[in-house]
Protein backbone atom coordinates (compact mmCIF):
# COMPACT_ATOMS: atom_id res chain seq x y z
CA MET A 1 -12.62 1.53 21.36
CA ARG A 2 -10.35 -0.28 18.88
CA HIS A 3 -7.81 1.76 16.94
CA THR A 4 -7.07 1.18 13.29
CA SER A 5 -3.60 -0.18 12.58
CA ALA A 6 -1.51 -0.78 9.48
CA LEU A 7 1.47 -3.04 8.92
CA ASP A 8 3.95 -0.84 7.07
CA ASP A 9 6.43 -2.01 4.42
CA PHE A 10 4.76 -5.40 4.13
CA GLY A 11 6.95 -7.98 2.44
CA THR A 12 10.26 -6.46 3.54
CA GLY A 13 12.50 -6.55 6.59
CA TYR A 14 10.67 -7.16 9.85
CA SER A 15 7.15 -6.99 8.38
CA ALA A 16 6.72 -10.75 8.64
CA MET A 17 3.59 -12.74 7.92
CA ALA A 18 3.58 -13.93 11.54
CA TYR A 19 2.53 -10.39 12.50
CA LEU A 20 -0.77 -10.98 10.70
CA LYS A 21 -1.71 -13.49 13.39
CA LYS A 22 -0.02 -11.76 16.30
CA PHE A 23 -1.46 -8.23 16.03
CA PRO A 24 -4.90 -6.77 15.25
CA ILE A 25 -4.08 -5.29 11.84
CA ASP A 26 -6.56 -3.57 9.52
CA TYR A 27 -4.33 -2.57 6.58
CA LEU A 28 -1.29 -3.96 4.81
CA LYS A 29 0.94 -1.33 3.23
CA ILE A 30 2.63 -2.66 0.10
CA ASP A 31 6.22 -1.46 0.18
CA ARG A 32 7.35 1.00 -2.49
CA SER A 33 10.09 -1.45 -3.54
CA PHE A 34 7.33 -3.58 -5.13
CA VAL A 35 5.54 -0.55 -6.61
CA ARG A 36 8.54 1.18 -8.19
CA ASP A 37 8.91 -1.25 -11.12
CA LEU A 38 5.32 -2.45 -11.50
CA GLU A 39 5.24 -1.31 -15.11
CA SER A 40 8.33 -3.26 -16.16
CA ASP A 41 8.74 -6.14 -13.71
CA SER A 42 6.20 -8.95 -13.84
CA ASN A 43 7.54 -10.33 -10.55
CA ASP A 44 6.73 -7.07 -8.75
CA ARG A 45 3.23 -7.14 -10.27
CA ALA A 46 2.76 -10.73 -9.10
CA ILE A 47 3.97 -9.89 -5.58
CA ALA A 48 1.71 -6.83 -5.32
CA GLU A 49 -1.28 -8.82 -6.55
CA ALA A 50 -0.51 -11.69 -4.15
CA ILE A 51 -0.37 -9.26 -1.21
CA VAL A 52 -3.72 -7.76 -2.22
CA VAL A 53 -5.38 -11.17 -2.62
CA MET A 54 -3.97 -12.46 0.68
CA ALA A 55 -4.99 -9.28 2.54
CA HIS A 56 -8.53 -9.43 1.19
CA LYS A 57 -8.86 -13.11 2.11
CA LEU A 58 -7.85 -12.10 5.66
CA GLY A 59 -10.39 -9.27 5.70
CA LEU A 60 -7.73 -6.57 5.47
CA LYS A 61 -7.47 -3.51 3.20
CA THR A 62 -4.34 -2.65 1.22
CA ILE A 63 -2.40 0.57 0.73
CA ALA A 64 0.36 0.82 -1.89
CA GLU A 65 3.22 3.20 -1.07
CA GLY A 66 5.32 5.19 -3.49
CA VAL A 67 2.88 5.53 -6.39
CA GLU A 68 4.43 8.03 -8.81
CA THR A 69 2.77 7.29 -12.17
CA GLY A 70 -0.71 6.86 -13.50
CA ALA A 71 0.28 3.47 -14.90
CA GLN A 72 1.31 2.26 -11.42
CA SER A 73 -2.01 3.48 -10.03
CA ASP A 74 -3.93 1.75 -12.84
CA LEU A 75 -2.08 -1.55 -12.34
CA LEU A 76 -2.77 -1.47 -8.61
CA ALA A 77 -6.45 -0.69 -9.20
CA ALA A 78 -6.63 -3.60 -11.66
CA VAL A 79 -5.48 -6.06 -8.96
CA GLY A 80 -7.89 -4.61 -6.39
CA CYS A 81 -5.58 -2.50 -4.23
CA ASP A 82 -7.84 -0.43 -1.95
CA PHE A 83 -5.74 2.71 -1.49
CA VAL A 84 -2.59 4.26 -2.91
CA GLN A 85 -0.28 6.99 -1.71
CA GLY A 86 2.65 8.74 -3.31
CA PHE A 87 3.98 11.69 -5.26
CA LEU A 88 1.43 11.13 -8.03
CA TYR A 89 -1.14 12.62 -5.66
CA ALA A 90 0.90 14.96 -3.45
CA LYS A 91 4.36 15.59 -2.06
CA PRO A 92 4.92 15.55 1.73
CA MET A 93 3.52 18.73 3.25
CA THR A 94 3.08 20.58 6.50
CA GLN A 95 -0.25 20.63 8.30
CA ALA A 96 -1.04 24.11 6.98
CA GLU A 97 -0.18 23.05 3.42
CA PHE A 98 -2.37 19.98 3.79
CA LEU A 99 -5.33 22.00 5.02
CA ALA A 100 -5.00 24.33 2.03
CA PHE A 101 -4.62 21.32 -0.29
CA ALA A 102 -7.72 19.65 1.17
CA ARG A 103 -9.83 22.75 0.62
């Protein structure tokens, strides 16, 4: 059985493109540093879109971290980002809080 794996903080630090060939990765997580200023920084928008396009061409899904506004979510949806996570949807929570939230 193959487990699902994600490459976290893609585009920063040690999350190098070489890992895309080296490890069986299913998801690329777009680092919050590119999401934070999506609304005001065209370079961040271009980087996020490039990550999404590259991931899709490699058969991978994308997850954007740190989504805090509806506008960020809309911009990511417009470039085809598959999933988003962040305070816009929920703050970090305990297991019990999550179960109550999910109900």
